[in-house]
Amino acid sequence: MNLTRTRYQHGSLTTEKRKNAPSVWVYRWRETNTDGTRVKRKVVVGSKLTFPTKASAMKQIASLGPVTKLAIVLD
């Protein structure tokens, strides 16, 4: 009997500085594998020059679809 409830968190969006390039938006989330272990995932959304605001970066993430599709597209 599994007493763990389903999680519905949508992840987080932060910026990372680059040494020789403009800062980038990074989207992070966690997934549960079939064996129950948690795996951290991340994807670079784009540079701050391309998406100057957090809202514009979130729109880009939303246009890509659910997080599970992100993992399939990027792997």
Protein backbone atom coordinates (compact mmCIF):
# COMPACT_ATOMS: atom_id res chain seq x y z
CA MET A 1 0.00 0.00 0.00
CA ASN A 2 1.51 3.30 -1.14
CA LEU A 3 0.68 6.25 1.11
CA THR A 4 2.63 8.81 -0.89
CA ARG A 5 0.42 11.46 -2.45
CA THR A 6 0.84 12.62 -6.03
CA ARG A 7 2.83 15.83 -6.43
CA TYR A 8 1.69 18.56 -8.76
CA GLN A 9 4.50 21.09 -8.51
CA HIS A 10 5.46 22.75 -11.78
CA GLY A 11 9.20 23.29 -11.24
CA SER A 12 11.23 26.47 -10.95
CA LEU A 13 12.75 29.01 -13.31
CA THR A 14 16.04 30.71 -12.40
CA THR A 15 18.94 32.42 -14.15
CA GLU A 16 22.51 31.18 -14.41
CA LYS A 17 25.46 33.35 -15.26
CA ARG A 18 27.82 32.21 -18.01
CA LYS A 19 31.50 33.01 -18.08
CA ASN A 20 31.76 34.17 -21.70
CA ALA A 21 28.12 34.48 -22.70
CA PRO A 22 24.97 36.22 -21.52
CA SER A 23 23.00 34.78 -18.59
CA VAL A 24 20.48 32.06 -19.40
CA TRP A 25 17.10 30.97 -18.02
CA VAL A 26 17.16 27.45 -16.56
CA TYR A 27 14.01 25.44 -15.83
CA ARG A 28 14.37 22.76 -13.12
CA TRP A 29 12.02 20.01 -12.01
CA ARG A 30 12.07 16.59 -10.36
CA GLU A 31 10.60 13.34 -11.61
CA THR A 32 9.91 10.02 -9.93
CA ASN A 33 11.27 6.95 -11.73
CA THR A 34 9.41 3.67 -11.91
CA ASP A 35 11.51 2.31 -9.03
CA GLY A 36 10.51 5.27 -6.81
CA THR A 37 13.76 7.23 -6.87
CA ARG A 38 13.66 10.97 -7.48
CA VAL A 39 15.69 12.43 -10.38
CA LYS A 40 16.54 16.10 -10.80
CA ARG A 41 16.14 17.46 -14.33
CA LYS A 42 16.97 20.79 -15.91
CA VAL A 43 16.83 22.42 -19.30
CA VAL A 44 18.18 25.73 -20.60
CA VAL A 45 15.22 27.73 -21.93
CA GLY A 46 17.21 30.51 -23.60
CA SER A 47 19.34 33.56 -22.95
CA LYS A 48 18.18 36.65 -21.09
CA LEU A 49 18.67 38.55 -24.33
CA THR A 50 16.11 36.33 -26.07
CA PHE A 51 13.71 36.26 -23.09
CA PRO A 52 14.27 39.47 -21.09
CA THR A 53 11.57 38.78 -18.48
CA LYS A 54 10.66 35.76 -16.39
CA ALA A 55 7.15 35.88 -17.83
CA SER A 56 8.44 35.57 -21.40
CA ALA A 57 10.62 32.58 -20.41
CA MET A 58 7.62 30.93 -18.71
CA LYS A 59 5.56 31.39 -21.88
CA GLN A 60 8.27 29.57 -23.83
CA ILE A 61 8.17 26.67 -21.35
CA ALA A 62 4.37 26.53 -21.54
CA SER A 63 4.49 26.41 -25.34
CA LEU A 64 6.68 23.28 -25.21
CA GLY A 65 4.01 21.31 -23.33
CA PRO A 66 4.13 19.17 -20.20
CA VAL A 67 7.42 18.53 -18.42
CA THR A 68 7.42 14.88 -19.49
CA LYS A 69 7.46 15.98 -23.13
CA LEU A 70 10.40 18.31 -22.34
CA ALA A 71 12.46 15.35 -21.15
CA ILE A 72 11.67 13.37 -24.30
CA VAL A 73 12.51 16.27 -26.64
CA LEU A 74 15.78 17.13 -24.93
CA ASP A 75 17.21 13.64 -24.29
